[in-house]
Amino acid sequence: MTAFLVVLVIILFGVAVWQMNKIFQLSKPEQDNTSEISTDQDNSLNGYLMLGFVIFIYVLLIACFWLWGDVLLPVSASEHGVEVDQLMLVSMALIFVVGIFTEWLLFYFAFKYRGKKGYKALYYVDNHKLEFIWTIIPVVVLAGLIIYGLFTWTDIMYVDEDEDPLIVELYAYQFDWRARYAGNDNTLGKANVRLIEGANQLGVDVSDTYAQDDKIVNELHLPVGRKVLFKMRSQDVLHSAYMPHFRAQMNCVPGMITQFGFTPTITTDEMRLEDDVVAKVDKINEIRRKKSISLEAKGEEALETYEFDYLLLCNKICGNNHYNMQMKIVVETEKEYKAWLAQQATVASTLKK
C-alpha cells in the first residue's frame, strides 16, 4: 500500500509540474513569428559543432585504444581460434575503415552545406547510378563477409570421427560446472536429470555399462594437440559454456545435448610465459598489492598473488550468482593428462560409497 501511495504522489507531482509549465507558457508575452527561424549565425554554430563532434569521436577512439588496448585476449590457444581471430580482424578492419570514412563525410557535409541565406539545396528526384553504387557495394562486401564466416564456422564445427576425439561432457547447473570423462572406452554412459539423487549429481545411469568407467571431476584437464569433443548439458536454466582463450562458446540447453570441439595448442605453462599474459598478470598483481596494503592496515587478510589459468565461464546471465560460475582448465602434455586422469575415481566406485 505504501509503495502504491508513493507512486501516486510521484504521478500527481508530475502532473502538477506539467500544468504549471503550461500556465507559464501562456503567461509569456507574444513573440515575433520569426523567433524560431534559424539565422546564418545559428547554422554556422551548429555546423562547427558537427565538425567538432566528429573530431571528438576520433580523439576518443584513439584514447580508448591507447588506454585499454591491453585488455584484449592473448594469442589463441586452439587450432580453430586462429581462424576466428582472422575473421574478427577482417571484419573489424572493414568496419573501422568504412565507419571512419562515412562518419567524416556525414559530419563534414553537415558543416560544409550548412544553411545560408540566398542558397538553396540541390534536389534530385532520383539518380539510378548513385543508388546502384551505394546499394551494390554494401551487398558485395556483406555477402563476402557472410560467406567467409559461414565457411569458417563450418570448418570449426566439423568433427572428423576418424580423429578419435576425446569425449568430455560439460554439465552446467546453478551455479557451477562439472566435467565427465568417458573413461577407457571413450563413450559416455547415459544420463538423465530425473536420475539425480544423492551423490549422483549428474543423473548418470549406473545401469549402463558405458557409464561404469566414466569419471566426474570439478577441474577440466585437456591434453595438448588432441581433438576434444565436448557434449554439453544443463540441469536447470540456459547456460553458455565460454572458453575465451580457446575462442569457444556453445549454449547449454536444458533437455538437449549440444556439442563443440577444438584442439588445444598451447599448454597452461606455455601460456603463462607469453609476453601479453605476463604483462597482464604483473598488472593485476600490482593492483592486488596496493589493495593488500590497504587491507592489512585495517587488520584484514591480504589478497593472494594471481596466477594465470584457463577458465570455463558461463556467458549467460543465469541467476544472481552467475558471475561466480567458472571452472579451472588445465592444458598439459598427454603423459601428464593420463597420469591425472588415472587418479580420478570412476562413477561406479563413487556411487558405491
Protein backbone atom coordinates (compact mmCIF):
# COMPACT_ATOMS: atom_id res chain seq x y z
CA MET A 1 0.00 0.00 0.00
CA THR A 2 2.84 2.37 0.87
CA ALA A 3 4.53 1.74 -2.48
CA PHE A 4 1.25 2.48 -4.29
CA LEU A 5 0.86 5.80 -2.44
CA VAL A 6 4.44 6.79 -3.26
CA VAL A 7 3.88 6.08 -6.97
CA LEU A 8 0.60 8.02 -6.88
CA VAL A 9 2.29 11.04 -5.25
CA ILE A 10 5.04 10.99 -7.91
CA ILE A 11 2.46 10.89 -10.71
CA LEU A 12 0.46 13.75 -9.18
CA PHE A 13 3.63 15.78 -8.73
CA GLY A 14 4.50 15.27 -12.41
CA VAL A 15 1.01 16.35 -13.49
CA ALA A 16 1.29 19.47 -11.31
CA VAL A 17 4.64 20.43 -12.83
CA TRP A 18 3.24 19.89 -16.33
CA GLN A 19 0.22 22.14 -15.62
CA MET A 20 2.43 24.84 -14.11
CA ASN A 21 4.60 24.76 -17.22
CA LYS A 22 1.51 25.27 -19.43
CA ILE A 23 0.44 28.25 -17.30
CA PHE A 24 3.94 29.69 -17.56
CA GLN A 25 3.95 29.34 -21.36
CA LEU A 26 0.54 31.02 -21.66
CA SER A 27 1.63 33.93 -19.46
CA LYS A 28 4.66 34.74 -21.63
CA PRO A 29 4.31 37.77 -23.95
CA GLU A 30 3.64 37.04 -27.62
CA GLN A 31 6.88 36.71 -29.58
CA ASP A 32 7.80 37.52 -33.12
CA ASN A 33 6.82 34.73 -35.53
CA THR A 34 10.38 34.62 -36.84
CA SER A 35 11.91 33.83 -33.42
CA GLU A 36 12.04 30.09 -34.21
CA ILE A 37 13.71 30.51 -37.60
CA SER A 38 17.43 29.79 -37.55
CA THR A 39 19.82 32.52 -38.66
CA ASP A 40 23.12 32.21 -40.50
CA GLN A 41 24.83 32.55 -37.15
CA ASP A 42 22.81 29.62 -35.75
CA ASN A 43 23.62 27.47 -38.79
CA SER A 44 27.32 28.27 -38.59
CA LEU A 45 27.42 27.44 -34.89
CA ASN A 46 25.74 24.07 -35.47
CA GLY A 47 28.00 23.36 -38.45
CA TYR A 48 31.15 23.92 -36.38
CA LEU A 49 29.67 21.84 -33.56
CA MET A 50 29.17 18.98 -36.03
CA LEU A 51 32.80 19.26 -37.13
CA GLY A 52 33.97 19.40 -33.52
CA PHE A 53 31.89 16.38 -32.60
CA VAL A 54 33.38 14.10 -35.27
CA ILE A 55 36.90 15.18 -34.24
CA PHE A 56 35.96 14.39 -30.62
CA ILE A 57 34.82 10.89 -31.70
CA TYR A 58 38.17 10.21 -33.40
CA VAL A 59 40.16 11.51 -30.41
CA LEU A 60 38.06 9.37 -28.06
CA LEU A 61 38.60 6.29 -30.25
CA ILE A 62 42.38 6.80 -30.26
CA ALA A 63 42.38 7.34 -26.49
CA CYS A 64 40.40 4.11 -25.92
CA PHE A 65 42.86 2.08 -27.97
CA TRP A 66 45.81 3.75 -26.21
CA LEU A 67 44.48 3.28 -22.67
CA TRP A 68 42.65 -0.05 -22.90
CA GLY A 69 44.16 -1.84 -25.88
CA ASP A 70 45.91 -4.23 -23.49
CA VAL A 71 42.67 -5.77 -22.25
CA LEU A 72 42.24 -7.81 -25.43
CA LEU A 73 42.71 -11.58 -25.27
CA PRO A 74 46.19 -13.00 -25.86
CA VAL A 75 47.06 -15.37 -28.71
CA SER A 76 44.54 -18.16 -29.31
CA ALA A 77 45.23 -21.47 -27.57
CA SER A 78 43.30 -23.63 -30.06
CA GLU A 79 43.68 -24.54 -33.73
CA HIS A 80 40.39 -23.03 -34.90
CA GLY A 81 40.98 -19.90 -32.78
CA VAL A 82 43.46 -18.65 -35.38
CA GLU A 83 40.66 -18.67 -37.98
CA VAL A 84 38.28 -16.93 -35.58
CA ASP A 85 40.84 -14.20 -34.85
CA GLN A 86 41.47 -13.76 -38.57
CA LEU A 87 37.74 -13.41 -39.28
CA MET A 88 37.42 -10.92 -36.43
CA LEU A 89 40.37 -8.91 -37.73
CA VAL A 90 39.00 -8.72 -41.28
CA SER A 91 35.50 -7.77 -40.05
CA MET A 92 36.75 -5.08 -37.65
CA ALA A 93 39.16 -3.63 -40.23
CA LEU A 94 36.30 -3.21 -42.71
CA ILE A 95 34.01 -1.73 -40.07
CA PHE A 96 36.64 0.76 -38.93
CA VAL A 97 37.64 1.88 -42.43
CA VAL A 98 34.06 2.30 -43.61
CA GLY A 99 32.92 3.77 -40.30
CA ILE A 100 35.68 6.39 -40.09
CA PHE A 101 35.18 7.40 -43.73
CA THR A 102 31.38 7.63 -43.61
CA GLU A 103 31.32 9.38 -40.21
CA TRP A 104 33.66 12.03 -41.55
CA LEU A 105 31.54 12.56 -44.66
CA LEU A 106 28.35 12.75 -42.61
CA PHE A 107 29.56 15.44 -40.22
CA TYR A 108 31.72 17.28 -42.76
CA PHE A 109 28.80 17.65 -45.18
CA ALA A 110 26.64 18.92 -42.29
CA PHE A 111 29.31 21.59 -41.78
CA LYS A 112 30.04 22.39 -45.42
CA TYR A 113 26.42 22.60 -46.58
CA ARG A 114 25.06 24.40 -43.53
CA GLY A 115 22.19 26.79 -44.25
CA LYS A 116 22.95 30.23 -45.69
CA LYS A 117 20.60 32.93 -46.87
CA GLY A 118 20.34 33.03 -50.63
CA TYR A 119 21.44 29.41 -51.06
CA LYS A 120 19.10 26.58 -51.97
CA ALA A 121 19.76 22.87 -51.72
CA LEU A 122 20.04 20.94 -54.98
CA TYR A 123 17.30 18.30 -55.04
CA TYR A 124 17.50 15.07 -57.03
CA VAL A 125 14.22 13.29 -57.72
CA ASP A 126 16.25 10.12 -58.30
CA ASN A 127 19.64 9.03 -59.57
CA HIS A 128 19.76 5.38 -60.63
CA LYS A 129 23.53 5.34 -61.00
CA LEU A 130 24.19 6.60 -57.45
CA GLU A 131 21.56 4.32 -55.96
CA PHE A 132 23.08 1.33 -57.76
CA ILE A 133 26.57 2.20 -56.48
CA TRP A 134 25.63 2.65 -52.81
CA THR A 135 23.46 -0.47 -52.92
CA ILE A 136 25.72 -2.92 -54.75
CA ILE A 137 28.92 -2.11 -52.80
CA PRO A 138 27.46 -2.97 -49.34
CA VAL A 139 25.75 -6.05 -50.82
CA VAL A 140 29.02 -7.38 -52.25
CA VAL A 141 31.02 -6.62 -49.09
CA LEU A 142 28.42 -8.13 -46.74
CA ALA A 143 27.95 -11.19 -48.95
CA GLY A 144 31.71 -11.73 -48.92
CA LEU A 145 31.86 -11.45 -45.13
CA ILE A 146 28.88 -13.76 -44.63
CA ILE A 147 30.25 -16.43 -46.98
CA TYR A 148 33.69 -16.16 -45.34
CA GLY A 149 32.05 -16.51 -41.91
CA LEU A 150 29.94 -19.50 -42.98
CA PHE A 151 32.95 -21.38 -44.35
CA THR A 152 34.91 -20.60 -41.16
CA TRP A 153 32.02 -21.76 -38.96
CA THR A 154 31.61 -24.97 -40.99
CA ASP A 155 35.31 -25.77 -40.61
CA ILE A 156 35.13 -25.13 -36.86
CA MET A 157 32.02 -27.22 -36.25
CA TYR A 158 33.07 -30.20 -38.37
CA VAL A 159 34.40 -33.08 -36.28
CA ASP A 160 36.09 -35.99 -38.07
CA GLU A 161 35.19 -39.18 -36.19
CA ASP A 162 38.34 -40.81 -37.60
CA GLU A 163 40.40 -38.44 -35.43
CA ASP A 164 39.07 -40.33 -32.38
CA PRO A 165 38.44 -37.14 -30.38
CA LEU A 166 38.49 -37.21 -26.60
CA ILE A 167 34.86 -37.18 -25.40
CA VAL A 168 34.12 -34.94 -22.40
CA GLU A 169 30.76 -33.88 -21.01
CA LEU A 170 30.33 -30.37 -19.59
CA TYR A 171 27.45 -30.26 -17.14
CA ALA A 172 26.07 -26.85 -16.12
CA TYR A 173 23.87 -26.04 -13.15
CA GLN A 174 23.25 -23.02 -10.95
CA PHE A 175 25.98 -22.02 -10.23
CA ASP A 176 28.80 -24.40 -11.04
CA TRP A 177 30.26 -26.77 -13.62
CA ARG A 178 31.11 -30.46 -13.60
CA ALA A 179 33.03 -32.40 -16.24
CA ARG A 180 32.52 -36.10 -17.04
CA TYR A 181 35.22 -38.03 -18.87
CA ALA A 182 34.21 -41.03 -20.94
CA GLY A 183 36.81 -43.40 -19.46
CA ASN A 184 38.84 -46.02 -21.32
CA ASP A 185 36.05 -46.81 -23.80
CA ASN A 186 35.79 -43.10 -24.75
CA THR A 187 31.99 -43.44 -24.73
CA LEU A 188 29.84 -41.54 -22.27
CA GLY A 189 27.20 -43.51 -20.39
CA LYS A 190 23.56 -42.47 -20.48
CA ALA A 191 22.37 -39.74 -18.12
CA ASN A 192 19.10 -38.03 -17.26
CA VAL A 193 18.23 -35.27 -14.80
CA ARG A 194 15.43 -37.48 -13.45
CA LEU A 195 18.11 -39.82 -12.09
CA ILE A 196 19.74 -37.13 -9.95
CA GLU A 197 19.72 -38.34 -6.36
CA GLY A 198 22.22 -38.09 -3.52
CA ALA A 199 25.79 -38.46 -4.77
CA ASN A 200 24.59 -38.91 -8.36
CA GLN A 201 24.64 -35.17 -9.10
CA LEU A 202 24.73 -35.55 -12.89
CA GLY A 203 21.97 -38.14 -13.15
CA VAL A 204 24.26 -40.81 -14.63
CA ASP A 205 22.50 -44.08 -15.46
CA VAL A 206 24.63 -46.51 -13.42
CA SER A 207 22.93 -49.48 -15.08
CA ASP A 208 24.56 -48.52 -18.39
CA THR A 209 27.81 -50.45 -18.86
CA TYR A 210 29.37 -47.49 -20.69
CA ALA A 211 28.86 -45.37 -17.57
CA GLN A 212 30.82 -47.60 -15.19
CA ASP A 213 34.23 -46.14 -16.07
CA ASP A 214 33.07 -42.52 -16.51
CA LYS A 215 34.83 -40.04 -14.24
CA ILE A 216 33.24 -36.88 -12.81
CA VAL A 217 35.58 -34.03 -11.84
CA ASN A 218 35.37 -30.34 -10.91
CA GLU A 219 38.57 -29.33 -12.74
CA LEU A 220 38.95 -29.75 -16.51
CA HIS A 221 42.22 -31.22 -17.83
CA LEU A 222 42.94 -31.38 -21.57
CA PRO A 223 45.86 -32.95 -23.46
CA VAL A 224 47.62 -30.55 -25.81
CA GLY A 225 47.44 -31.37 -29.52
CA ARG A 226 44.46 -33.75 -29.24
CA LYS A 227 40.96 -33.03 -30.50
CA VAL A 228 38.40 -32.72 -27.71
CA LEU A 229 34.66 -33.04 -28.35
CA PHE A 230 32.51 -31.53 -25.61
CA LYS A 231 28.98 -32.78 -25.04
CA MET A 232 27.06 -30.15 -23.07
CA ARG A 233 24.02 -30.42 -20.80
CA SER A 234 22.20 -28.06 -18.46
CA GLN A 235 20.30 -29.09 -15.36
CA ASP A 236 18.12 -26.03 -14.83
CA VAL A 237 18.31 -22.90 -16.99
CA LEU A 238 20.08 -21.78 -20.16
CA HIS A 239 23.83 -21.55 -19.58
CA SER A 240 26.66 -20.92 -22.04
CA ALA A 241 29.99 -22.74 -21.95
CA TYR A 242 32.51 -20.00 -22.74
CA MET A 243 36.25 -20.65 -23.00
CA PRO A 244 37.61 -17.31 -24.24
CA HIS A 245 41.27 -18.30 -24.61
CA PHE A 246 40.21 -21.15 -26.92
CA ARG A 247 37.70 -18.94 -28.80
CA ALA A 248 34.99 -21.46 -27.96
CA GLN A 249 31.40 -20.94 -26.87
CA MET A 250 28.24 -23.03 -27.01
CA ASN A 251 24.89 -22.79 -25.22
CA CYS A 252 23.96 -25.46 -22.68
CA VAL A 253 20.23 -26.01 -23.13
CA PRO A 254 18.01 -27.89 -20.66
CA GLY A 255 16.53 -31.02 -22.22
CA MET A 256 19.05 -31.38 -25.06
CA ILE A 257 22.73 -32.07 -25.75
CA THR A 258 24.83 -29.53 -27.64
CA GLN A 259 28.42 -30.01 -28.68
CA PHE A 260 31.58 -28.15 -29.63
CA GLY A 261 35.06 -29.45 -30.44
CA PHE A 262 38.54 -27.96 -30.60
CA THR A 263 42.20 -28.90 -30.36
CA PRO A 264 44.27 -27.16 -27.64
CA THR A 265 47.64 -25.97 -28.95
CA ILE A 266 49.27 -24.18 -26.00
CA THR A 267 49.71 -25.69 -22.54
CA THR A 268 48.93 -23.70 -19.42
CA ASP A 269 52.65 -23.43 -18.57
CA GLU A 270 53.47 -22.17 -22.07
CA MET A 271 50.68 -19.58 -22.00
CA ARG A 272 51.97 -18.25 -18.68
CA LEU A 273 55.22 -17.34 -20.47
CA GLU A 274 53.52 -15.35 -23.26
CA ASP A 275 54.52 -11.67 -23.14
CA ASP A 276 50.92 -10.42 -23.15
CA VAL A 277 49.94 -12.76 -20.34
CA VAL A 278 53.00 -11.88 -18.25
CA ALA A 279 52.18 -8.17 -18.62
CA LYS A 280 48.53 -8.70 -17.62
CA VAL A 281 49.47 -10.85 -14.61
CA ASP A 282 52.01 -8.27 -13.43
CA LYS A 283 49.42 -5.50 -13.77
CA ILE A 284 46.81 -7.49 -11.81
CA ASN A 285 49.28 -8.37 -9.06
CA GLU A 286 50.34 -4.73 -8.76
CA ILE A 287 46.69 -3.74 -8.24
CA ARG A 288 46.32 -6.57 -5.69
CA ARG A 289 49.49 -5.49 -3.89
CA LYS A 290 48.17 -1.95 -3.41
CA LYS A 291 44.82 -3.30 -2.27
CA SER A 292 46.53 -5.68 0.16
CA ILE A 293 48.38 -2.79 1.80
CA SER A 294 45.04 -1.12 2.45
CA LEU A 295 43.50 -4.35 3.79
CA GLU A 296 46.44 -5.10 6.08
CA ALA A 297 46.23 -1.58 7.51
CA LYS A 298 42.66 -2.44 8.55
CA GLY A 299 43.76 -5.74 10.05
CA GLU A 300 42.24 -7.78 7.23
CA GLU A 301 43.80 -10.62 5.22
CA ALA A 302 45.87 -9.66 2.16
CA LEU A 303 44.90 -10.80 -1.33
CA GLU A 304 46.59 -13.85 -2.82
CA THR A 305 49.03 -13.47 -5.72
CA TYR A 306 47.25 -14.04 -9.02
CA GLU A 307 48.45 -16.74 -11.43
CA PHE A 308 47.08 -17.19 -14.93
CA ASP A 309 44.77 -20.12 -15.62
CA TYR A 310 42.47 -21.01 -18.48
CA LEU A 311 38.84 -20.79 -17.39
CA LEU A 312 35.47 -22.19 -18.37
CA LEU A 313 32.88 -19.44 -17.76
CA CYS A 314 29.13 -19.08 -18.11
CA ASN A 315 28.31 -16.43 -20.68
CA LYS A 316 24.57 -16.29 -19.98
CA ILE A 317 23.08 -14.32 -17.08
CA CYS A 318 21.72 -17.40 -15.35
CA GLY A 319 20.94 -16.01 -11.90
CA ASN A 320 22.22 -13.90 -9.03
CA ASN A 321 25.47 -15.86 -8.66
CA HIS A 322 26.20 -16.09 -12.38
CA TYR A 323 29.44 -14.09 -12.08
CA ASN A 324 30.98 -16.81 -9.90
CA MET A 325 30.20 -19.74 -12.24
CA GLN A 326 33.57 -20.90 -13.52
CA MET A 327 35.85 -23.92 -13.74
CA LYS A 328 39.62 -24.08 -13.99
CA ILE A 329 41.03 -25.61 -17.20
CA VAL A 330 44.50 -27.16 -17.31
CA VAL A 331 46.12 -27.90 -20.67
CA GLU A 332 49.07 -30.25 -20.31
CA THR A 333 51.03 -32.93 -22.12
CA GLU A 334 49.42 -36.28 -22.95
CA LYS A 335 51.54 -38.00 -20.31
CA GLU A 336 50.55 -35.52 -17.58
CA TYR A 337 46.91 -35.76 -18.60
CA LYS A 338 46.85 -39.56 -18.42
CA ALA A 339 48.58 -39.52 -15.02
CA TRP A 340 45.98 -37.06 -13.68
CA LEU A 341 43.03 -38.99 -15.16
CA ALA A 342 44.27 -42.26 -13.66
CA GLN A 343 43.97 -40.74 -10.18
CA GLN A 344 40.30 -39.80 -10.62
CA ALA A 345 37.57 -42.07 -9.23
CA THR A 346 35.09 -43.74 -11.59
CA VAL A 347 31.33 -43.30 -11.34
CA ALA A 348 30.93 -46.93 -10.28
CA SER A 349 33.34 -46.62 -7.36
CA THR A 350 31.97 -43.22 -6.29
CA LEU A 351 28.31 -44.22 -6.19
CA LYS A 352 29.05 -47.43 -4.28
CA LYS A 353 30.37 -45.44 -1.34
